[in-house]
Amino acid sequence: MAYYSIEDMNKVGLNPYEAIIVAAQHARNINSQRLAQIERLEEDPSIMIDPRKITMVALKEVIEGKVQFKRSDSHQ
């Protein structure tokens, strides 16, 4: 299993709490896409479904900067 440190999260400008929130939202999107693929699996058995854990994929993509996010500074 991959390990991501706090320094990895800081590189993309997130504190650990923000990184987890962004990753959780991204994981929900990935899960929706996978569910849609599973539904289409009967029609097209050649569809490949990624076997990796959704949460780890989401966190990795957040840390690699593949996920766009915007801070809302409404708590001022």
Protein backbone atom coordinates (compact mmCIF):
# COMPACT_ATOMS: atom_id res chain seq x y z
CA MET A 1 0.00 0.00 0.00
CA ALA A 2 1.24 3.46 -0.83
CA TYR A 3 2.12 5.91 1.90
CA TYR A 4 1.65 9.66 1.52
CA SER A 5 3.25 12.03 3.97
CA ILE A 6 2.18 15.44 5.16
CA GLU A 7 5.04 16.90 3.12
CA ASP A 8 3.48 15.39 -0.02
CA MET A 9 0.23 17.18 0.77
CA ASN A 10 2.00 20.46 1.49
CA LYS A 11 3.59 20.35 -1.98
CA VAL A 12 0.17 20.86 -3.57
CA GLY A 13 -0.75 23.57 -1.08
CA LEU A 14 -3.06 21.57 1.16
CA ASN A 15 -2.97 20.87 4.83
CA PRO A 16 -3.80 17.23 5.71
CA TYR A 17 -7.42 18.01 6.58
CA GLU A 18 -8.04 19.81 3.29
CA ALA A 19 -6.33 17.02 1.36
CA ILE A 20 -8.63 14.41 2.90
CA ILE A 21 -11.75 16.46 2.16
CA VAL A 22 -10.70 17.03 -1.46
CA ALA A 23 -9.73 13.36 -1.84
CA ALA A 24 -13.06 12.22 -0.37
CA GLN A 25 -15.00 14.35 -2.84
CA HIS A 26 -12.86 13.06 -5.70
CA ALA A 27 -13.35 9.46 -4.50
CA ARG A 28 -17.12 9.95 -4.72
CA ASN A 29 -16.73 11.04 -8.34
CA ILE A 30 -14.51 8.05 -9.14
CA ASN A 31 -17.03 5.73 -7.49
CA SER A 32 -19.87 7.17 -9.59
CA GLN A 33 -17.84 6.57 -12.74
CA ARG A 34 -17.10 2.97 -11.71
CA LEU A 35 -20.75 2.28 -10.96
CA ALA A 36 -21.65 3.55 -14.43
CA GLN A 37 -19.00 1.23 -15.92
CA ILE A 38 -20.38 -1.73 -13.98
CA GLU A 39 -23.87 -1.00 -15.32
CA ARG A 40 -22.52 -0.99 -18.89
CA LEU A 41 -20.55 -4.19 -18.31
CA GLU A 42 -23.43 -6.42 -19.48
CA GLU A 43 -23.66 -4.54 -22.77
CA ASP A 44 -19.91 -4.40 -23.37
CA PRO A 45 -17.89 -7.09 -21.53
CA SER A 46 -14.63 -5.60 -22.79
CA ILE A 47 -14.86 -2.68 -20.32
CA MET A 48 -11.93 -2.74 -17.94
CA ILE A 49 -12.64 -1.74 -14.34
CA ASP A 50 -9.73 -0.48 -12.25
CA PRO A 51 -9.26 -2.89 -9.31
CA ARG A 52 -7.40 -0.38 -7.09
CA LYS A 53 -8.98 1.06 -3.96
CA ILE A 54 -10.91 4.20 -4.82
CA THR A 55 -9.72 6.15 -1.79
CA MET A 56 -6.05 5.52 -2.57
CA VAL A 57 -6.53 6.45 -6.23
CA ALA A 58 -8.24 9.69 -5.18
CA LEU A 59 -5.57 10.64 -2.65
CA LYS A 60 -2.77 9.87 -5.11
CA GLU A 61 -4.40 12.04 -7.79
CA VAL A 62 -4.85 14.90 -5.33
CA ILE A 63 -1.20 14.75 -4.27
CA GLU A 64 -0.02 14.51 -7.89
CA GLY A 65 -1.97 17.69 -8.66
CA LYS A 66 -4.39 15.98 -11.06
CA VAL A 67 -7.44 17.21 -9.16
CA GLN A 68 -8.57 20.81 -9.42
CA PHE A 69 -9.83 22.34 -6.19
CA LYS A 70 -10.73 25.79 -5.01
CA ARG A 71 -10.63 27.06 -1.45
CA SER A 72 -13.62 28.86 -0.09
CA ASP A 73 -12.47 31.38 2.48
CA SER A 74 -15.93 31.88 3.94
CA HIS A 75 -14.75 31.33 7.51
CA GLN A 76 -13.14 34.76 7.81
